[in-house]
Amino acid sequence: MALGSLVRPVLPHELRIGLVAATALFVLAGECGLHRVALPHRRAQVPSTVIGTGGQAGALQFGFEMGTGVRTHMPSNLPYLPLLAMLLVGSWAAAFAAGLGFGLGRAAMALGRHHSRDTGWWDRQWQRHERLLRITLALAAVLLATAIVLS
């Protein structure tokens, strides 16, 4: 948000909204499989041993590492959409809500797999439904970005 305070006065409102809309279309097209362009991100994944052997301490370590970006992997361009929306047009309340939603979404995936009785089954279900889930999440992100722009 602070960085956005530096950018917003320089760019006209219409241009900022256009950039958010273009990013939304780019992200949605990628999630629908129309392109494979990955925006820059750190490609180091958190090893399964962080959660698998650590118990609650491992979960806390995982949360810290993912939340701070010390180690993360983004298999999608989706996080760029709320990031850009927050930077260019979002309020402090919207930024808090977006950060909370991002954190809860990341935690849900990791904890869902971790607490699954059969991680192989969980992985197969993800692979089976990945395309539908990616499109659904992308549409939800576009709707939320629209709400941010309109707020």
C-alpha atoms as a PDB file:
ATOM      1  CA  MET A   1       0.000   0.000   0.000  1.00  0.00           C
ATOM      2  CA  ALA A   2       2.831   2.402   0.795  1.00  0.00           C
ATOM      3  CA  LEU A   3       4.415   1.715  -2.597  1.00  0.00           C
ATOM      4  CA  GLY A   4       1.020   2.309  -4.175  1.00  0.00           C
ATOM      5  CA  SER A   5       0.983   5.743  -2.572  1.00  0.00           C
ATOM      6  CA  LEU A   6       4.012   6.572  -4.704  1.00  0.00           C
ATOM      7  CA  VAL A   7       2.545   5.131  -7.919  1.00  0.00           C
ATOM      8  CA  ARG A   8      -1.041   6.374  -7.734  1.00  0.00           C
ATOM      9  CA  PRO A   9      -0.348  10.118  -8.086  1.00  0.00           C
ATOM     10  CA  VAL A  10       1.799   9.499 -11.188  1.00  0.00           C
ATOM     11  CA  LEU A  11      -0.612   7.279 -13.134  1.00  0.00           C
ATOM     12  CA  PRO A  12      -4.095   8.419 -14.176  1.00  0.00           C
ATOM     13  CA  HIS A  13      -6.974   6.516 -12.570  1.00  0.00           C
ATOM     14  CA  GLU A  14      -8.147   5.117 -15.922  1.00  0.00           C
ATOM     15  CA  LEU A  15      -4.677   3.739 -16.686  1.00  0.00           C
ATOM     16  CA  ARG A  16      -4.457   2.088 -13.266  1.00  0.00           C
ATOM     17  CA  ILE A  17      -7.837   0.417 -13.779  1.00  0.00           C
ATOM     18  CA  GLY A  18      -6.791  -0.619 -17.292  1.00  0.00           C
ATOM     19  CA  LEU A  19      -3.631  -2.253 -15.912  1.00  0.00           C
ATOM     20  CA  VAL A  20      -5.663  -4.196 -13.368  1.00  0.00           C
ATOM     21  CA  ALA A  21      -8.130  -5.274 -16.074  1.00  0.00           C
ATOM     22  CA  ALA A  22      -5.319  -6.335 -18.431  1.00  0.00           C
ATOM     23  CA  THR A  23      -3.694  -8.330 -15.629  1.00  0.00           C
ATOM     24  CA  ALA A  24      -7.033  -9.972 -14.839  1.00  0.00           C
ATOM     25  CA  LEU A  25      -7.447 -11.039 -18.474  1.00  0.00           C
ATOM     26  CA  PHE A  26      -3.839 -12.272 -18.639  1.00  0.00           C
ATOM     27  CA  VAL A  27      -4.216 -14.319 -15.451  1.00  0.00           C
ATOM     28  CA  LEU A  28      -7.602 -15.722 -16.479  1.00  0.00           C
ATOM     29  CA  ALA A  29      -6.267 -16.698 -19.919  1.00  0.00           C
ATOM     30  CA  GLY A  30      -3.323 -18.471 -18.311  1.00  0.00           C
ATOM     31  CA  GLU A  31      -5.507 -20.394 -15.888  1.00  0.00           C
ATOM     32  CA  CYS A  32      -7.725 -21.437 -18.802  1.00  0.00           C
ATOM     33  CA  GLY A  33      -4.633 -22.839 -20.528  1.00  0.00           C
ATOM     34  CA  LEU A  34      -4.413 -20.237 -23.299  1.00  0.00           C
ATOM     35  CA  HIS A  35      -0.768 -19.427 -22.487  1.00  0.00           C
ATOM     36  CA  ARG A  36       2.045 -20.720 -20.281  1.00  0.00           C
ATOM     37  CA  VAL A  37       3.772 -17.454 -19.429  1.00  0.00           C
ATOM     38  CA  ALA A  38       4.845 -17.482 -15.785  1.00  0.00           C
ATOM     39  CA  LEU A  39       5.448 -14.143 -14.138  1.00  0.00           C
ATOM     40  CA  PRO A  40       8.656 -13.915 -12.079  1.00  0.00           C
ATOM     41  CA  HIS A  41       8.721 -15.647  -8.720  1.00  0.00           C
ATOM     42  CA  ARG A  42      11.105 -17.511  -6.479  1.00  0.00           C
ATOM     43  CA  ARG A  43      11.025 -21.124  -7.579  1.00  0.00           C
ATOM     44  CA  ALA A  44      12.188 -22.752  -4.341  1.00  0.00           C
ATOM     45  CA  GLN A  45       9.514 -24.982  -2.850  1.00  0.00           C
ATOM     46  CA  VAL A  46       9.125 -25.694   0.839  1.00  0.00           C
ATOM     47  CA  PRO A  47      10.267 -29.302   1.283  1.00  0.00           C
ATOM     48  CA  SER A  48       7.667 -31.764   2.557  1.00  0.00           C
ATOM     49  CA  THR A  49       9.912 -32.470   5.554  1.00  0.00           C
ATOM     50  CA  VAL A  50       9.058 -29.039   6.963  1.00  0.00           C
ATOM     51  CA  ILE A  51       5.510 -30.233   7.609  1.00  0.00           C
ATOM     52  CA  GLY A  52       5.907 -34.009   7.556  1.00  0.00           C
ATOM     53  CA  THR A  53       8.248 -34.347  10.517  1.00  0.00           C
ATOM     54  CA  GLY A  54       7.769 -31.123  12.386  1.00  0.00           C
ATOM     55  CA  GLY A  55       4.306 -31.462  13.962  1.00  0.00           C
ATOM     56  CA  GLN A  56       2.937 -28.110  15.089  1.00  0.00           C
ATOM     57  CA  ALA A  57       6.407 -26.560  15.046  1.00  0.00           C
ATOM     58  CA  GLY A  58       6.745 -27.660  11.417  1.00  0.00           C
ATOM     59  CA  ALA A  59       3.387 -26.091  10.579  1.00  0.00           C
ATOM     60  CA  LEU A  60       4.477 -22.832  12.224  1.00  0.00           C
ATOM     61  CA  GLN A  61       7.767 -22.929  10.331  1.00  0.00           C
ATOM     62  CA  PHE A  62       5.856 -23.586   7.109  1.00  0.00           C
ATOM     63  CA  GLY A  63       3.508 -20.680   7.792  1.00  0.00           C
ATOM     64  CA  PHE A  64       6.398 -18.361   8.570  1.00  0.00           C
ATOM     65  CA  GLU A  65       8.353 -19.353   5.463  1.00  0.00           C
ATOM     66  CA  MET A  66       5.360 -19.084   3.139  1.00  0.00           C
ATOM     67  CA  GLY A  67       4.029 -15.904   4.698  1.00  0.00           C
ATOM     68  CA  THR A  68       7.318 -14.049   4.569  1.00  0.00           C
ATOM     69  CA  GLY A  69       8.292 -15.299   1.130  1.00  0.00           C
ATOM     70  CA  VAL A  70      11.498 -16.871   2.451  1.00  0.00           C
ATOM     71  CA  ARG A  71      10.652 -19.975   0.455  1.00  0.00           C
ATOM     72  CA  THR A  72       7.712 -20.119  -1.842  1.00  0.00           C
ATOM     73  CA  HIS A  73       6.607 -21.451  -5.194  1.00  0.00           C
ATOM     74  CA  MET A  74       3.724 -20.039  -7.168  1.00  0.00           C
ATOM     75  CA  PRO A  75       2.363 -22.510  -9.692  1.00  0.00           C
ATOM     76  CA  SER A  76      -0.027 -19.800 -10.831  1.00  0.00           C
ATOM     77  CA  ASN A  77       0.005 -16.115 -11.726  1.00  0.00           C
ATOM     78  CA  LEU A  78      -3.089 -15.522  -9.568  1.00  0.00           C
ATOM     79  CA  PRO A  79      -1.271 -13.747  -6.677  1.00  0.00           C
ATOM     80  CA  TYR A  80      -0.189 -11.002  -9.064  1.00  0.00           C
ATOM     81  CA  LEU A  81      -3.782  -9.901  -9.621  1.00  0.00           C
ATOM     82  CA  PRO A  82      -4.634  -8.849  -6.044  1.00  0.00           C
ATOM     83  CA  LEU A  83      -1.093  -7.537  -5.617  1.00  0.00           C
ATOM     84  CA  LEU A  84      -1.458  -5.193  -8.583  1.00  0.00           C
ATOM     85  CA  ALA A  85      -5.029  -4.274  -7.614  1.00  0.00           C
ATOM     86  CA  MET A  86      -3.839  -3.357  -4.112  1.00  0.00           C
ATOM     87  CA  LEU A  87      -0.869  -1.420  -5.450  1.00  0.00           C
ATOM     88  CA  LEU A  88      -2.865   0.611  -7.944  1.00  0.00           C
ATOM     89  CA  VAL A  89      -6.362   1.049  -6.517  1.00  0.00           C
ATOM     90  CA  GLY A  90      -6.829  -0.793  -3.208  1.00  0.00           C
ATOM     91  CA  SER A  91      -7.572   0.580   0.224  1.00  0.00           C
ATOM     92  CA  TRP A  92      -5.922  -0.482   3.480  1.00  0.00           C
ATOM     93  CA  ALA A  93      -9.008  -2.549   4.382  1.00  0.00           C
ATOM     94  CA  ALA A  94      -8.989  -4.271   0.998  1.00  0.00           C
ATOM     95  CA  ALA A  95      -5.256  -4.968   1.366  1.00  0.00           C
ATOM     96  CA  PHE A  96      -5.838  -6.557   4.759  1.00  0.00           C
ATOM     97  CA  ALA A  97      -8.681  -8.690   3.370  1.00  0.00           C
ATOM     98  CA  ALA A  98      -6.606  -9.724   0.336  1.00  0.00           C
ATOM     99  CA  GLY A  99      -3.641 -10.672   2.522  1.00  0.00           C
ATOM    100  CA  LEU A 100      -5.870 -12.648   4.866  1.00  0.00           C
ATOM    101  CA  GLY A 101      -7.528 -14.437   1.948  1.00  0.00           C
ATOM    102  CA  PHE A 102      -4.171 -15.237   0.352  1.00  0.00           C
ATOM    103  CA  GLY A 103      -2.802 -16.614   3.618  1.00  0.00           C
ATOM    104  CA  LEU A 104      -5.899 -18.684   4.327  1.00  0.00           C
ATOM    105  CA  GLY A 105      -5.893 -20.074   0.797  1.00  0.00           C
ATOM    106  CA  ARG A 106      -2.235 -21.078   1.002  1.00  0.00           C
ATOM    107  CA  ALA A 107      -2.774 -22.622   4.427  1.00  0.00           C
ATOM    108  CA  ALA A 108      -5.895 -24.515   3.322  1.00  0.00           C
ATOM    109  CA  MET A 109      -4.043 -26.306   0.528  1.00  0.00           C
ATOM    110  CA  ALA A 110      -1.109 -27.280   2.719  1.00  0.00           C
ATOM    111  CA  LEU A 111      -3.178 -28.270   5.731  1.00  0.00           C
ATOM    112  CA  GLY A 112      -5.726 -30.142   3.598  1.00  0.00           C
ATOM    113  CA  ARG A 113      -3.025 -32.331   2.131  1.00  0.00           C
ATOM    114  CA  HIS A 114      -1.178 -32.681   5.427  1.00  0.00           C
ATOM    115  CA  HIS A 115      -4.282 -33.867   7.284  1.00  0.00           C
ATOM    116  CA  SER A 116      -5.462 -36.142   4.481  1.00  0.00           C
ATOM    117  CA  ARG A 117      -5.326 -39.772   5.507  1.00  0.00           C
ATOM    118  CA  ASP A 118      -4.042 -40.673   2.067  1.00  0.00           C
ATOM    119  CA  THR A 119      -1.846 -38.009   0.473  1.00  0.00           C
ATOM    120  CA  GLY A 120      -1.663 -40.053  -2.722  1.00  0.00           C
ATOM    121  CA  TRP A 121      -5.456 -39.876  -3.016  1.00  0.00           C
ATOM    122  CA  TRP A 122      -5.345 -36.143  -2.270  1.00  0.00           C
ATOM    123  CA  ASP A 123      -2.756 -35.630  -5.016  1.00  0.00           C
ATOM    124  CA  ARG A 124      -4.798 -37.676  -7.506  1.00  0.00           C
ATOM    125  CA  GLN A 125      -7.926 -35.639  -6.700  1.00  0.00           C
ATOM    126  CA  TRP A 126      -6.010 -32.414  -7.221  1.00  0.00           C
ATOM    127  CA  GLN A 127      -4.706 -33.642 -10.573  1.00  0.00           C
ATOM    128  CA  ARG A 128      -8.174 -34.828 -11.578  1.00  0.00           C
ATOM    129  CA  HIS A 129      -9.862 -31.492 -10.751  1.00  0.00           C
ATOM    130  CA  GLU A 130      -6.954 -29.095 -11.263  1.00  0.00           C
ATOM    131  CA  ARG A 131      -8.256 -27.412 -14.417  1.00  0.00           C
ATOM    132  CA  LEU A 132     -11.718 -26.750 -12.965  1.00  0.00           C
ATOM    133  CA  LEU A 133     -10.232 -25.524  -9.686  1.00  0.00           C
ATOM    134  CA  ARG A 134      -7.781 -23.222 -11.468  1.00  0.00           C
ATOM    135  CA  ILE A 135     -10.533 -21.665 -13.575  1.00  0.00           C
ATOM    136  CA  THR A 136     -12.856 -21.319 -10.567  1.00  0.00           C
ATOM    137  CA  LEU A 137     -10.137 -19.654  -8.487  1.00  0.00           C
ATOM    138  CA  ALA A 138      -9.199 -17.360 -11.370  1.00  0.00           C
ATOM    139  CA  LEU A 139     -12.815 -16.263 -11.814  1.00  0.00           C
ATOM    140  CA  ALA A 140     -13.079 -15.640  -8.070  1.00  0.00           C
ATOM    141  CA  ALA A 141      -9.873 -13.564  -8.169  1.00  0.00           C
ATOM    142  CA  VAL A 142     -11.180 -11.528 -11.107  1.00  0.00           C
ATOM    143  CA  LEU A 143     -14.447 -10.881  -9.254  1.00  0.00           C
ATOM    144  CA  LEU A 144     -12.558  -9.833  -6.142  1.00  0.00           C
ATOM    145  CA  ALA A 145     -10.260  -7.558  -8.150  1.00  0.00           C
ATOM    146  CA  THR A 146     -13.371  -6.019  -9.684  1.00  0.00           C
ATOM    147  CA  ALA A 147     -14.767  -5.437  -6.192  1.00  0.00           C
ATOM    148  CA  ILE A 148     -11.469  -3.807  -5.170  1.00  0.00           C
ATOM    149  CA  VAL A 149     -11.552  -1.508  -8.186  1.00  0.00           C
ATOM    150  CA  LEU A 150     -15.180  -0.556  -7.553  1.00  0.00           C
ATOM    151  CA  SER A 151     -14.747   0.051  -3.816  1.00  0.00           C
END
